[in-house]
Amino acid sequence: MIILVSLNVFLRYTVSSPIVWSEEISLALFTIMTFIGMSSAMKRNSHVGIDYFIRKLPKKISNILLKINYIIVISTLIIVFIYLGFLTAWNSSTSTPVLRINYKWILLSMPIGGVLTFSHFVLGLIKSKELKTKINI
């Protein structure tokens, strides 16, 4: 994507002849990388979070806030990314202007990324519970 956009900028300003389809491919790649990359960040537990204040709270309160956080994450994944993402992709009937790719195929990255993220989230919870039981033994 970086190479394509850079080449397009170079051609636009030097030769005055940009690559017409580069914007559509860049948009598709950016969308796909965003939603599939979301699952990669979940797998590595590298999402942005501010846990400074959580660590300063008593253990009981921080555990309650952690559970609330899990409920919010699961709700967001299921409702927004998986369900609404699938509805958005399914109801899409327009195509890209130049390449005539139906936006449905690009927007399917949202529910697919949601499912992958949800699976990494559940696997992370299972691994953390396994770790806690190994430590307690």
Foldseek 3Di string as FASTA:
>chain_A
DVVLVVVQVCCCPPVVDGDPCSVVVVVLVVLLCVLQVLLVCLLVVNDDDDCPVLVVDPPVVSVVVVVVVVVVLVCCLVPPQAPVLLVVLVPFDAADDPPRHGCSVSSVSRNVSSVSNVVSNVVVVVVVVVVVVVVVD
